[in-house]
Amino acid sequence: MWLSEQLPKPHGAATDAYTVEQLCREQKGKKEELAASVMKKNTRISNLHRKFAERSWNDTFQLVRRCMEKSRDESKPCELIARALDRLQEVLQAPTMDNTKSRLEMIAKRQGMDFYCTDVTCYLTADIFYLEVLLLPSGEVQEVKMALHRERPAPSRSLLRLLRSNNFSEFSLRLGELFAQYNIPGDSETKSKMLKSIKSLWKDLQQISDMPKEPKCFEAQIDLINNGRVGFLMAEKQDYPPSLYFYISPNDCLKNSELSLEELLEFKPAVQVNQATIGVGDLIHKLQMTSLISEAPQLDTHSCPAVAALGEVSNETLPACFLLRLKTPIPVLSHIVERVGQITGVTIPDCDLQWAPLPKLLINASASAKSPSEPLDGQEIFTVVFPEGGMHTYVLSDSSWDAPAQRAALLASVPFTQLAHVSAVLELLRHQCVFNTLLRSCLTQSASPASVCDLHFEVRPESTTSISVTFCQPHIDSLAVLLVNIPNPRQITCQLFGGGFYDSSYPMLDEYTSMVLTSCMSIPVAMRALYCRLEETTSCPTTAVAENDRLSPEMDTDGHSPAASQSAA
């Protein structure tokens, strides 16, 4: 009866039979209208196929481009039409002059840039910089130049390589980075002052990076990434603003030891990198307008150039501040955010940060997020399988990691106003990266876990710089706790607590575990090595002490490097 209730009843004696009959007629009419519409659409598509069957690709391109010019939003082309044009251009593998020009025009418009061309040269222009792309008659790219307005253009080998390999997607990404780097709002005078200020900062960063001279061997350059005052700074190029590489874990170095430094720096998951740029804000700040480091600087005790105070050089008060823009946002604890604000004097707006427990942010940011953990009664359980056999499970209690001190947020950029802030901020970010690396090593969920788990561990935060790992001792019905302290980015210490095994082995086990963890930066690998030592200690204390004297702290009980085992993992 609900059908009849949905329809208005006619005046008089309306029956249920009448209502159902009327509904059937209406449904039949709708079906006939739908069928007619589909047939009409199919006929229209068939007519279009016949109409354009004899047309050339150039005619098709021009038609799509005319549709683009009629886009409702003049600032950007219609995305559906843009994708259609991309698909058409991908079909044509061989480059032509019109095809290359069309693709460059589409990329420029998507980035909000202007585009115009002569017979053989295309210009992609923004307010502050522009690109020249010189084409051969065949449509292949002969040369790419980049320049700031009123400056002499310089060749860009990196952009040329991308265009010659028809890698237009990566070229578009690189162009987007350049556009973001030089996208300075304001009037022409303000833009000019802000550009002059950021170029002065770049010059100072380059001078610090060059003193002492940049080391050439791979190991020394990796050391510079993790320990240099401004990390490893890629030399400034007009087509690629200076980038500060400031952290890479030892395990990532081992996994990618066959790569050159340039190849490793392109391996984004392995290296943390940021770019120094400038951005506008609601508050005004005093910024440098010239270099803070003299041409022949005096060196301090660490062989670093002396930096003049901001008040001693030319400066301007502008509605802007410098930014360290992280290519990959880093999960940072709340105390790191507060400390950064204290150093720079510029508060990071809380509205830009979304707070969550640190492990959840690490899981979401990790490639292993597609293999999720197993939730169980307010806990997250992660399974780690070793390549050579054996399996651990790591349990993280939601309540312990949801404490206010362990709340974290993804940090995408750090505002600052002075050159001296850079090294202090990078040191804090390195410290957080070390903490994240150790915790992340427990959060790797195996895609194909073993059927039986060997050992179970509980990982809890003890402070903002320490983690505890609780486990059952071998051969004894008793718990032990390993306290992992990370007082700074270059120091990791371990302390073992628990009863039931030979006390004189405590200091040696602490030193051994600290060495293993520092070399491999993996809690599961370190716990496996420690557990093997404890098995020997608890089964035969006297023999274990002699064995501790014999074995190097850099080797596990199988005589293999723990770092090498983690590399295989």
Protein backbone atom coordinates (compact mmCIF):
# COMPACT_ATOMS: atom_id res chain seq x y z
CA MET A 1 0.00 0.00 0.00
CA TRP A 2 3.00 2.32 0.32
CA LEU A 3 2.98 2.91 -3.45
CA SER A 4 -0.48 4.32 -3.34
CA GLU A 5 0.42 6.53 -0.42
CA GLN A 6 3.13 8.18 -2.51
CA LEU A 7 0.65 9.29 -5.20
CA PRO A 8 -2.03 11.95 -4.90
CA LYS A 9 -5.44 10.35 -4.86
CA PRO A 10 -7.97 11.65 -7.43
CA HIS A 11 -11.23 13.12 -6.25
CA GLY A 12 -13.93 10.58 -6.04
CA ALA A 13 -13.69 6.86 -5.40
CA ALA A 14 -10.02 6.05 -6.25
CA THR A 15 -9.09 2.38 -6.03
CA ASP A 16 -5.77 0.62 -5.47
CA ALA A 17 -6.01 -0.98 -8.94
CA TYR A 18 -6.21 2.45 -10.55
CA THR A 19 -3.16 3.66 -8.62
CA VAL A 20 -0.99 0.68 -9.61
CA GLU A 21 -2.05 0.94 -13.25
CA GLN A 22 -1.17 4.63 -13.34
CA LEU A 23 2.24 3.96 -11.77
CA CYS A 24 3.02 1.24 -14.34
CA ARG A 25 2.17 3.59 -17.21
CA GLU A 26 4.46 6.29 -15.80
CA GLN A 27 7.35 3.83 -15.34
CA LYS A 28 6.89 2.53 -18.89
CA GLY A 29 6.97 6.08 -20.24
CA LYS A 30 10.21 6.83 -18.38
CA LYS A 31 11.86 3.69 -19.75
CA GLU A 32 10.87 4.65 -23.29
CA GLU A 33 12.29 8.17 -22.79
CA LEU A 34 15.56 6.72 -21.42
CA ALA A 35 15.89 4.30 -24.33
CA ALA A 36 15.27 7.11 -26.82
CA SER A 37 17.91 9.27 -25.07
CA VAL A 38 20.50 6.48 -25.21
CA MET A 39 19.80 5.85 -28.89
CA LYS A 40 20.10 9.56 -29.61
CA LYS A 41 23.40 9.75 -27.75
CA ASN A 42 24.77 6.71 -29.58
CA THR A 43 23.71 8.23 -32.87
CA ARG A 44 25.45 11.50 -31.96
CA ILE A 45 28.68 9.67 -31.09
CA SER A 46 28.50 7.69 -34.33
CA ASN A 47 28.03 10.91 -36.27
CA LEU A 48 31.06 12.42 -34.51
CA HIS A 49 33.14 9.36 -35.39
CA ARG A 50 32.17 9.69 -39.05
CA LYS A 51 32.71 13.45 -39.05
CA PHE A 52 36.27 13.31 -37.69
CA ALA A 53 37.40 10.02 -39.22
CA GLU A 54 39.09 11.79 -42.11
CA ARG A 55 40.55 14.70 -40.11
CA SER A 56 44.23 14.99 -39.24
CA TRP A 57 45.70 15.07 -35.72
CA ASN A 58 46.50 18.76 -36.15
CA ASP A 59 42.83 19.53 -36.79
CA THR A 60 41.87 17.58 -33.67
CA PHE A 61 44.45 19.41 -31.56
CA GLN A 62 43.24 22.78 -32.76
CA LEU A 63 39.65 21.88 -31.97
CA VAL A 64 40.52 20.87 -28.39
CA ARG A 65 42.61 24.01 -27.93
CA ARG A 66 39.70 26.18 -29.13
CA CYS A 67 37.53 24.49 -26.50
CA MET A 68 40.18 25.27 -23.90
CA GLU A 69 40.12 28.96 -24.83
CA LYS A 70 36.37 29.01 -24.14
CA SER A 71 36.91 27.70 -20.59
CA ARG A 72 34.66 29.32 -17.98
CA ASP A 73 37.69 30.07 -15.75
CA GLU A 74 40.14 32.10 -17.80
CA SER A 75 42.97 31.60 -15.28
CA LYS A 76 43.06 27.82 -15.79
CA PRO A 77 41.91 25.50 -18.58
CA CYS A 78 39.07 23.05 -18.06
CA GLU A 79 40.62 20.00 -16.41
CA LEU A 80 38.57 17.50 -18.43
CA ILE A 81 39.60 19.10 -21.71
CA ALA A 82 43.21 19.34 -20.50
CA ARG A 83 43.28 15.62 -19.74
CA ALA A 84 41.80 14.88 -23.17
CA LEU A 85 44.55 16.89 -24.81
CA ASP A 86 47.20 15.12 -22.69
CA ARG A 87 45.85 11.76 -23.83
CA LEU A 88 45.92 12.80 -27.47
CA GLN A 89 49.51 13.99 -27.15
CA GLU A 90 50.61 10.79 -25.43
CA VAL A 91 49.29 8.79 -28.39
CA LEU A 92 51.67 10.64 -30.69
CA GLN A 93 55.09 9.34 -29.61
CA ALA A 94 57.08 11.22 -32.26
CA PRO A 95 57.45 14.92 -31.33
CA THR A 96 56.29 17.62 -33.71
CA MET A 97 56.63 21.38 -33.43
CA ASP A 98 52.90 21.88 -32.77
CA ASN A 99 52.73 18.95 -30.36
CA THR A 100 55.63 20.21 -28.21
CA LYS A 101 54.32 23.77 -28.19
CA SER A 102 50.88 22.54 -27.20
CA ARG A 103 52.22 20.50 -24.28
CA LEU A 104 54.36 23.37 -23.00
CA GLU A 105 51.39 25.73 -23.24
CA MET A 106 49.21 23.34 -21.26
CA ILE A 107 51.88 22.94 -18.53
CA ALA A 108 52.33 26.72 -18.28
CA LYS A 109 48.60 27.37 -17.94
CA ARG A 110 48.22 24.68 -15.27
CA GLN A 111 50.91 26.43 -13.22
CA GLY A 112 49.22 29.81 -13.64
CA MET A 113 51.98 31.09 -15.95
CA ASP A 114 51.73 32.96 -19.25
CA PHE A 115 52.78 31.38 -22.52
CA TYR A 116 53.70 32.74 -25.92
CA CYS A 117 55.97 31.60 -28.70
CA THR A 118 57.77 32.64 -31.86
CA ASP A 119 58.62 30.32 -34.74
CA VAL A 120 61.09 28.16 -32.78
CA THR A 121 61.13 29.57 -29.21
CA CYS A 122 58.56 29.14 -26.44
CA TYR A 123 58.40 31.43 -23.42
CA LEU A 124 56.84 30.34 -20.10
CA THR A 125 56.68 33.48 -17.94
CA ALA A 126 55.80 34.31 -14.33
CA ASP A 127 56.02 37.59 -12.43
CA ILE A 128 59.64 37.06 -11.35
CA PHE A 129 61.16 34.46 -13.69
CA TYR A 130 60.75 32.96 -17.13
CA LEU A 131 61.83 29.96 -19.20
CA GLU A 132 63.02 29.93 -22.80
CA VAL A 133 62.57 26.65 -24.69
CA LEU A 134 64.29 26.56 -28.08
CA LEU A 135 62.89 23.95 -30.49
CA LEU A 136 64.32 22.22 -33.55
CA PRO A 137 62.23 22.04 -36.75
CA SER A 138 61.43 18.42 -35.86
CA GLY A 139 59.82 19.52 -32.59
CA GLU A 140 62.63 18.20 -30.38
CA VAL A 141 63.99 20.49 -27.67
CA GLN A 142 67.36 22.03 -28.47
CA GLU A 143 67.95 24.15 -25.36
CA VAL A 144 66.24 25.35 -22.17
CA LYS A 145 67.20 28.58 -20.41
CA MET A 146 65.89 30.06 -17.17
CA ALA A 147 66.30 33.57 -15.80
CA LEU A 148 64.88 36.10 -13.40
CA HIS A 149 63.48 39.14 -15.17
CA ARG A 150 66.15 41.71 -16.04
CA GLU A 151 68.85 39.05 -15.65
CA ARG A 152 70.76 37.11 -18.26
CA PRO A 153 69.25 33.66 -18.94
CA ALA A 154 71.37 30.63 -18.08
CA PRO A 155 71.12 27.11 -19.59
CA SER A 156 69.25 24.52 -17.53
CA ARG A 157 70.61 21.04 -18.16
CA SER A 158 68.20 19.37 -15.74
CA LEU A 159 65.07 20.79 -17.41
CA LEU A 160 66.55 20.09 -20.86
CA ARG A 161 67.09 16.45 -19.90
CA LEU A 162 63.47 16.09 -18.79
CA LEU A 163 62.05 17.57 -21.98
CA ARG A 164 64.36 15.58 -24.26
CA SER A 165 63.24 12.38 -22.55
CA ASN A 166 59.57 13.44 -23.00
CA ASN A 167 59.16 13.36 -19.21
CA PHE A 168 56.60 16.17 -19.21
CA SER A 169 55.05 15.12 -15.89
CA GLU A 170 58.34 15.55 -14.00
CA PHE A 171 59.03 18.77 -15.91
CA SER A 172 55.65 20.07 -14.75
CA LEU A 173 56.50 19.19 -11.12
CA ARG A 174 59.86 20.98 -11.34
CA LEU A 175 58.21 24.01 -12.89
CA GLY A 176 55.66 23.98 -10.08
CA GLU A 177 58.48 24.03 -7.51
CA LEU A 178 60.06 27.00 -9.25
CA PHE A 179 56.73 28.81 -9.41
CA ALA A 180 56.14 28.22 -5.68
CA GLN A 181 59.70 29.34 -4.89
CA TYR A 182 59.30 32.66 -6.70
CA ASN A 183 55.58 33.18 -6.12
CA ILE A 184 55.95 36.34 -4.04
CA PRO A 185 52.73 38.37 -3.66
CA GLY A 186 52.61 42.14 -3.34
CA ASP A 187 53.41 45.14 -5.49
CA SER A 188 56.54 45.32 -7.63
CA GLU A 189 58.56 47.22 -5.01
CA THR A 190 57.73 44.71 -2.27
CA LYS A 191 58.50 41.78 -4.55
CA SER A 192 61.86 43.32 -5.45
CA LYS A 193 62.82 43.79 -1.79
CA MET A 194 61.72 40.29 -0.79
CA LEU A 195 63.62 38.74 -3.67
CA LYS A 196 66.75 40.67 -2.74
CA SER A 197 66.40 39.51 0.87
CA ILE A 198 66.04 35.79 0.05
CA LYS A 199 68.96 35.95 -2.40
CA SER A 200 71.12 37.43 0.39
CA LEU A 201 70.14 34.52 2.63
CA TRP A 202 70.98 32.00 -0.12
CA LYS A 203 74.41 33.57 -0.54
CA ASP A 204 75.13 33.26 3.21
CA LEU A 205 73.98 29.64 3.33
CA GLN A 206 76.27 28.86 0.40
CA GLN A 207 79.26 30.45 2.14
CA ILE A 208 78.64 28.42 5.31
CA SER A 209 78.33 25.23 3.28
CA ASP A 210 81.60 25.95 1.46
CA MET A 211 83.65 26.33 4.65
CA PRO A 212 85.39 24.00 5.03
CA LYS A 213 85.42 23.03 1.37
CA GLU A 214 82.83 20.51 0.37
CA PRO A 215 84.25 16.98 0.86
CA LYS A 216 84.35 14.79 -2.22
CA CYS A 217 84.14 11.24 -0.80
CA PHE A 218 80.72 9.65 -0.25
CA GLU A 219 81.19 8.99 3.49
CA ALA A 220 82.29 12.57 4.21
CA GLN A 221 79.33 14.00 2.32
CA ILE A 222 76.92 11.76 4.25
CA ASP A 223 78.55 13.00 7.46
CA LEU A 224 78.01 16.57 6.26
CA ILE A 225 74.29 15.84 5.73
CA ASN A 226 73.85 14.64 9.32
CA ASN A 227 76.32 16.93 11.08
CA GLY A 228 76.92 20.07 9.01
CA ARG A 229 75.63 23.38 10.36
CA VAL A 230 73.32 23.75 7.38
CA GLY A 231 73.51 20.13 6.22
CA PHE A 232 74.60 19.43 2.67
CA LEU A 233 73.62 22.38 0.51
CA MET A 234 73.21 21.78 -3.19
CA ALA A 235 74.79 24.72 -4.97
CA GLU A 236 72.29 27.38 -5.99
CA LYS A 237 71.15 27.19 -9.58
CA GLN A 238 68.56 29.44 -11.14
CA ASP A 239 66.52 26.44 -12.26
CA TYR A 240 66.79 24.74 -8.86
CA PRO A 241 66.78 26.85 -5.67
CA PRO A 242 69.26 25.83 -2.96
CA SER A 243 68.22 22.71 -1.06
CA LEU A 244 69.42 21.73 2.40
CA TYR A 245 69.81 17.96 2.87
CA PHE A 246 69.98 17.53 6.63
CA TYR A 247 69.28 13.89 7.62
CA ILE A 248 69.75 10.36 6.32
CA SER A 249 69.71 7.24 8.48
CA PRO A 250 72.74 4.87 8.45
CA ASN A 251 70.44 2.05 7.38
CA ASP A 252 69.35 3.97 4.27
CA CYS A 253 73.01 4.58 3.44
CA LEU A 254 73.68 0.83 3.60
CA LYS A 255 70.65 -0.05 1.48
CA ASN A 256 71.68 2.44 -1.20
CA SER A 257 75.47 2.26 -0.89
CA GLU A 258 75.80 1.45 -4.60
CA LEU A 259 74.27 4.82 -5.54
CA SER A 260 76.25 7.97 -6.12
CA LEU A 261 75.55 10.92 -3.83
CA GLU A 262 73.56 12.68 -6.56
CA GLU A 263 71.41 9.56 -7.07
CA LEU A 264 70.94 9.15 -3.31
CA LEU A 265 69.77 12.75 -2.93
CA GLU A 266 67.10 12.08 -5.56
CA PHE A 267 65.91 9.06 -3.52
CA LYS A 268 63.27 11.02 -1.62
CA PRO A 269 62.29 8.39 1.01
CA ALA A 270 65.91 8.17 2.17
CA VAL A 271 66.89 11.81 2.60
CA GLN A 272 65.18 14.64 4.46
CA VAL A 273 65.46 17.90 2.53
CA ASN A 274 64.09 21.42 2.71
CA GLN A 275 64.32 24.57 0.63
CA ALA A 276 64.87 28.08 1.93
CA THR A 277 62.30 30.49 0.55
CA ILE A 278 60.27 33.52 1.62
CA GLY A 279 56.58 33.97 2.32
CA VAL A 280 54.24 36.76 3.32
CA GLY A 281 52.42 36.96 6.62
CA ASP A 282 50.21 39.14 8.78
CA LEU A 283 53.14 40.33 10.92
CA ILE A 284 56.11 42.44 9.86
CA HIS A 285 59.69 41.31 10.45
CA LYS A 286 63.11 42.82 10.00
CA LEU A 287 64.95 40.92 7.24
CA GLN A 288 68.46 41.22 5.86
CA MET A 289 68.94 43.01 2.53
CA THR A 290 72.60 42.11 2.13
CA SER A 291 74.94 39.31 3.17
CA LEU A 292 75.67 38.86 6.88
CA ILE A 293 79.01 37.24 6.06
CA SER A 294 81.89 39.33 4.74
CA GLU A 295 83.76 38.39 1.56
CA ALA A 296 86.85 37.46 3.63
CA PRO A 297 85.17 36.25 6.83
CA GLN A 298 86.82 35.49 10.13
CA LEU A 299 86.42 31.88 11.25
CA ASP A 300 85.33 30.67 14.67
CA THR A 301 86.73 27.67 16.52
CA HIS A 302 84.64 25.33 14.36
CA SER A 303 86.03 26.81 11.11
CA CYS A 304 82.70 28.48 10.39
CA PRO A 305 82.45 32.08 9.15
CA ALA A 306 81.52 34.79 11.64
CA VAL A 307 78.02 36.19 11.09
CA ALA A 308 77.25 39.89 11.60
CA ALA A 309 74.27 40.98 13.67
CA LEU A 310 71.19 41.93 11.67
CA GLY A 311 71.32 45.51 12.98
CA GLU A 312 74.85 45.94 11.62
CA VAL A 313 73.88 45.47 7.97
CA SER A 314 71.28 46.84 5.60
CA ASN A 315 67.81 45.53 6.50
CA GLU A 316 64.16 46.19 5.77
CA THR A 317 60.96 45.73 7.75
CA LEU A 318 58.65 43.67 5.53
CA PRO A 319 55.34 41.81 5.93
CA ALA A 320 57.17 38.53 5.37
CA CYS A 321 59.51 35.93 6.86
CA PHE A 322 61.87 33.26 5.55
CA LEU A 323 60.62 29.67 5.30
CA LEU A 324 62.32 26.31 5.51
CA ARG A 325 59.89 24.40 3.32
CA LEU A 326 60.15 20.62 3.84
CA LYS A 327 59.75 18.54 0.71
CA THR A 328 58.34 15.71 2.82
CA PRO A 329 56.47 16.87 5.96
CA ILE A 330 57.93 15.45 9.18
CA PRO A 331 55.86 14.21 12.15
CA VAL A 332 57.14 16.26 15.11
CA LEU A 333 56.24 16.19 18.80
CA SER A 334 54.58 19.20 20.37
CA HIS A 335 57.69 20.16 22.37
CA ILE A 336 59.69 20.40 19.13
CA VAL A 337 57.09 22.79 17.68
CA GLU A 338 57.28 24.92 20.83
CA ARG A 339 61.09 24.91 20.84
CA VAL A 340 61.22 25.95 17.17
CA GLY A 341 58.96 28.90 17.96
CA GLN A 342 61.21 29.90 20.87
CA ILE A 343 64.30 29.84 18.64
CA THR A 344 62.85 31.75 15.71
CA GLY A 345 60.52 34.09 17.57
CA VAL A 346 57.85 33.23 14.99
CA THR A 347 54.98 31.06 16.22
CA ILE A 348 53.82 28.26 13.94
CA PRO A 349 50.02 28.73 13.72
CA ASP A 350 48.23 25.93 15.55
CA CYS A 351 45.48 26.00 12.93
CA ASP A 352 48.01 24.71 10.38
CA LEU A 353 48.71 21.62 12.52
CA GLN A 354 46.53 18.55 13.00
CA TRP A 355 47.51 16.71 16.16
CA ALA A 356 47.56 12.92 16.55
CA PRO A 357 49.63 10.27 18.38
CA LEU A 358 53.11 10.05 16.86
CA PRO A 359 52.87 6.34 15.83
CA LYS A 360 49.69 7.00 13.85
CA LEU A 361 51.34 9.79 11.90
CA LEU A 362 54.37 7.60 11.19
CA ILE A 363 52.14 4.75 10.01
CA ASN A 364 50.16 7.03 7.69
CA ALA A 365 53.34 8.56 6.26
CA SER A 366 55.03 5.20 5.76
CA ALA A 367 54.91 3.09 2.61
CA SER A 368 53.96 0.16 4.83
CA ALA A 369 50.61 1.78 5.63
CA LYS A 370 49.09 -0.47 2.98
CA SER A 371 49.86 -3.38 5.35
CA PRO A 372 48.02 -2.09 8.44
CA SER A 373 48.54 -3.19 12.00
CA GLU A 374 46.10 -5.37 13.92
CA PRO A 375 44.08 -3.38 16.49
CA LEU A 376 43.30 -5.30 19.70
CA ASP A 377 41.69 -3.83 22.83
CA GLY A 378 43.23 -0.36 22.58
CA GLN A 379 46.56 -1.65 21.22
CA GLU A 380 48.33 -1.71 17.88
CA ILE A 381 50.24 -4.92 17.10
CA PHE A 382 52.96 -4.98 14.44
CA THR A 383 54.73 -8.03 13.08
CA VAL A 384 58.36 -7.89 11.93
CA VAL A 385 59.74 -10.86 9.98
CA PHE A 386 63.51 -11.18 9.50
CA PRO A 387 64.78 -12.35 6.09
CA GLU A 388 66.97 -15.05 7.61
CA GLY A 389 64.11 -16.37 9.74
CA GLY A 390 62.37 -15.49 12.98
CA MET A 391 59.60 -13.08 13.83
CA HIS A 392 58.88 -10.42 16.44
CA THR A 393 55.63 -8.72 17.39
CA TYR A 394 55.64 -5.18 18.78
CA VAL A 395 52.71 -3.89 20.80
CA LEU A 396 51.99 -0.18 21.18
CA SER A 397 49.36 0.81 23.73
CA ASP A 398 47.05 3.54 22.46
CA SER A 399 46.69 5.10 25.91
CA SER A 400 50.44 5.54 26.47
CA TRP A 401 51.07 7.10 23.05
CA ASP A 402 47.98 9.32 23.28
CA ALA A 403 49.42 11.28 26.20
CA PRO A 404 49.69 15.07 25.64
CA ALA A 405 53.52 14.97 25.52
CA GLN A 406 53.39 12.36 22.74
CA ARG A 407 50.97 14.23 20.51
CA ALA A 408 52.51 15.16 17.18
CA ALA A 409 51.70 16.98 13.96
CA LEU A 410 53.00 16.98 10.40
CA LEU A 411 55.34 19.94 9.98
CA ALA A 412 55.53 21.20 6.38
CA SER A 413 57.45 24.46 6.84
CA VAL A 414 59.28 26.44 9.50
CA PRO A 415 59.11 30.27 9.50
CA PHE A 416 62.23 32.15 10.64
CA THR A 417 63.82 35.59 10.27
CA GLN A 418 67.59 35.21 10.71
CA LEU A 419 70.43 33.12 9.28
CA ALA A 420 71.43 32.01 12.80
CA HIS A 421 68.09 30.22 13.20
CA VAL A 422 68.80 27.70 10.42
CA SER A 423 71.39 25.51 12.16
CA ALA A 424 69.42 25.43 15.45
CA VAL A 425 66.18 24.46 13.65
CA LEU A 426 67.92 21.75 11.61
CA GLU A 427 69.37 20.28 14.79
CA LEU A 428 65.88 19.96 16.28
CA LEU A 429 64.54 18.40 13.08
CA ARG A 430 67.44 15.91 13.04
CA HIS A 431 66.67 14.96 16.64
CA GLN A 432 63.05 14.27 15.74
CA CYS A 433 64.12 12.31 12.64
CA VAL A 434 66.31 10.01 14.76
CA PHE A 435 63.41 9.42 17.19
CA ASN A 436 61.06 8.74 14.26
CA THR A 437 63.50 6.35 12.58
CA LEU A 438 63.81 4.19 15.70
CA LEU A 439 60.07 4.11 16.35
CA ARG A 440 59.24 3.48 12.69
CA SER A 441 61.46 0.38 12.70
CA CYS A 442 58.88 -1.27 15.02
CA LEU A 443 55.92 -0.26 12.85
CA THR A 444 56.78 -2.21 9.72
CA GLN A 445 53.96 -4.65 9.21
CA SER A 446 55.06 -7.73 7.26
CA ALA A 447 52.95 -8.58 4.22
CA SER A 448 53.35 -12.33 4.87
CA PRO A 449 54.00 -12.95 8.59
CA ALA A 450 55.24 -16.29 9.81
CA SER A 451 52.77 -18.67 11.40
CA VAL A 452 54.39 -18.70 14.86
CA CYS A 453 55.85 -15.64 16.58
CA ASP A 454 59.17 -16.03 18.39
CA LEU A 455 59.16 -13.00 20.70
CA HIS A 456 56.78 -10.29 21.88
CA PHE A 457 57.76 -6.75 22.90
CA GLU A 458 55.87 -3.75 24.25
CA VAL A 459 57.08 -0.30 23.19
CA ARG A 460 56.16 2.66 25.38
CA PRO A 461 57.26 6.30 25.55
CA GLU A 462 59.10 7.27 28.73
CA SER A 463 59.74 10.89 27.79
CA THR A 464 60.01 13.03 24.68
CA THR A 465 63.52 11.66 24.14
CA SER A 466 63.31 8.06 25.39
CA ILE A 467 61.50 4.80 24.63
CA SER A 468 61.21 1.63 26.72
CA VAL A 469 60.99 -1.90 25.29
CA THR A 470 59.61 -4.55 27.67
CA PHE A 471 60.07 -8.28 27.00
CA CYS A 472 60.31 -11.68 28.70
CA GLN A 473 63.81 -12.86 29.56
CA PRO A 474 64.99 -16.13 28.02
CA HIS A 475 64.88 -19.24 30.26
CA ILE A 476 63.42 -17.20 33.17
CA ASP A 477 59.87 -16.28 34.06
CA SER A 478 60.74 -12.61 34.49
CA LEU A 479 60.44 -9.37 32.56
CA ALA A 480 63.26 -7.12 31.41
CA VAL A 481 63.14 -3.53 30.16
CA LEU A 482 65.50 -1.87 27.70
CA LEU A 483 65.48 1.92 28.06
CA VAL A 484 66.55 3.70 24.86
CA ASN A 485 67.66 7.30 25.40
CA ILE A 486 68.18 9.75 22.52
CA PRO A 487 69.63 12.88 24.18
CA ASN A 488 70.72 14.38 20.84
CA PRO A 489 70.80 13.41 17.14
CA ARG A 490 74.27 11.87 17.42
CA GLN A 491 73.94 9.88 20.63
CA ILE A 492 71.87 6.80 21.49
CA THR A 493 72.35 5.03 24.83
CA CYS A 494 70.69 1.87 26.11
CA GLN A 495 70.17 0.67 29.69
CA LEU A 496 68.93 -2.82 30.58
CA PHE A 497 66.82 -3.32 33.71
CA GLY A 498 65.65 -6.61 35.19
CA GLY A 499 66.76 -9.43 37.47
CA GLY A 500 67.70 -13.03 37.02
CA PHE A 501 70.94 -12.91 35.02
CA TYR A 502 74.60 -12.32 35.68
CA ASP A 503 75.00 -8.76 37.01
CA SER A 504 78.58 -8.16 35.79
CA SER A 505 77.35 -8.44 32.19
CA TYR A 506 75.05 -5.40 32.56
CA PRO A 507 77.52 -2.68 31.49
CA MET A 508 78.81 -4.76 28.60
CA LEU A 509 75.27 -5.51 27.42
CA ASP A 510 74.35 -1.82 27.64
CA GLU A 511 77.39 -0.84 25.58
CA TYR A 512 76.84 -3.65 23.10
CA THR A 513 73.14 -2.81 22.56
CA SER A 514 73.94 0.90 22.19
CA MET A 515 76.54 0.13 19.52
CA VAL A 516 74.18 -2.17 17.61
CA LEU A 517 71.29 0.30 17.72
CA THR A 518 73.46 3.24 16.66
CA SER A 519 74.84 1.33 13.67
CA CYS A 520 71.55 -0.07 12.33
CA MET A 521 68.91 2.36 13.72
CA SER A 522 66.48 -0.58 14.08
CA ILE A 523 64.94 -1.61 17.38
CA PRO A 524 63.96 -5.11 16.11
CA VAL A 525 67.52 -5.86 14.95
CA ALA A 526 68.97 -4.56 18.22
CA MET A 527 66.48 -6.58 20.29
CA ARG A 528 67.28 -9.75 18.38
CA ALA A 529 71.00 -9.25 19.03
CA LEU A 530 70.40 -8.48 22.71
CA TYR A 531 68.12 -11.49 23.16
CA CYS A 532 70.77 -13.80 21.75
CA ARG A 533 73.28 -12.43 24.26
CA LEU A 534 70.82 -12.87 27.11
CA GLU A 535 70.18 -16.48 26.11
CA GLU A 536 73.89 -17.20 26.53
CA THR A 537 74.13 -15.20 29.75
CA THR A 538 71.19 -16.84 31.49
CA SER A 539 72.11 -20.36 30.36
CA CYS A 540 75.80 -20.18 31.36
CA PRO A 541 76.88 -16.99 33.18
CA THR A 542 80.61 -17.76 33.35
CA THR A 543 80.91 -18.71 29.71
CA ALA A 544 78.86 -15.67 28.74
CA VAL A 545 81.27 -13.21 30.38
CA ALA A 546 84.22 -14.71 28.50
CA GLU A 547 82.17 -14.67 25.30
CA ASN A 548 81.34 -10.99 25.83
CA ASP A 549 85.07 -10.25 25.98
CA ARG A 550 85.67 -12.16 22.76
CA LEU A 551 82.84 -10.83 20.57
CA SER A 552 83.05 -7.37 19.08
CA PRO A 553 80.16 -5.09 20.13
CA GLU A 554 79.59 -4.38 16.44
CA MET A 555 78.78 -8.04 15.66
CA ASP A 556 75.86 -10.18 16.74
CA THR A 557 76.15 -13.71 18.09
CA ASP A 558 76.12 -15.17 14.61
CA GLY A 559 79.14 -13.14 13.68
CA HIS A 560 77.12 -10.95 11.29
CA SER A 561 76.77 -7.18 11.28
CA PRO A 562 73.33 -6.19 12.60
CA ALA A 563 73.30 -3.29 10.16
CA ALA A 564 73.78 -5.72 7.30
CA SER A 565 70.85 -7.79 8.56
CA GLN A 566 68.64 -4.72 8.67
CA SER A 567 69.81 -3.80 5.17
CA ALA A 568 68.58 -7.17 3.95
CA ALA A 569 65.28 -6.53 5.69
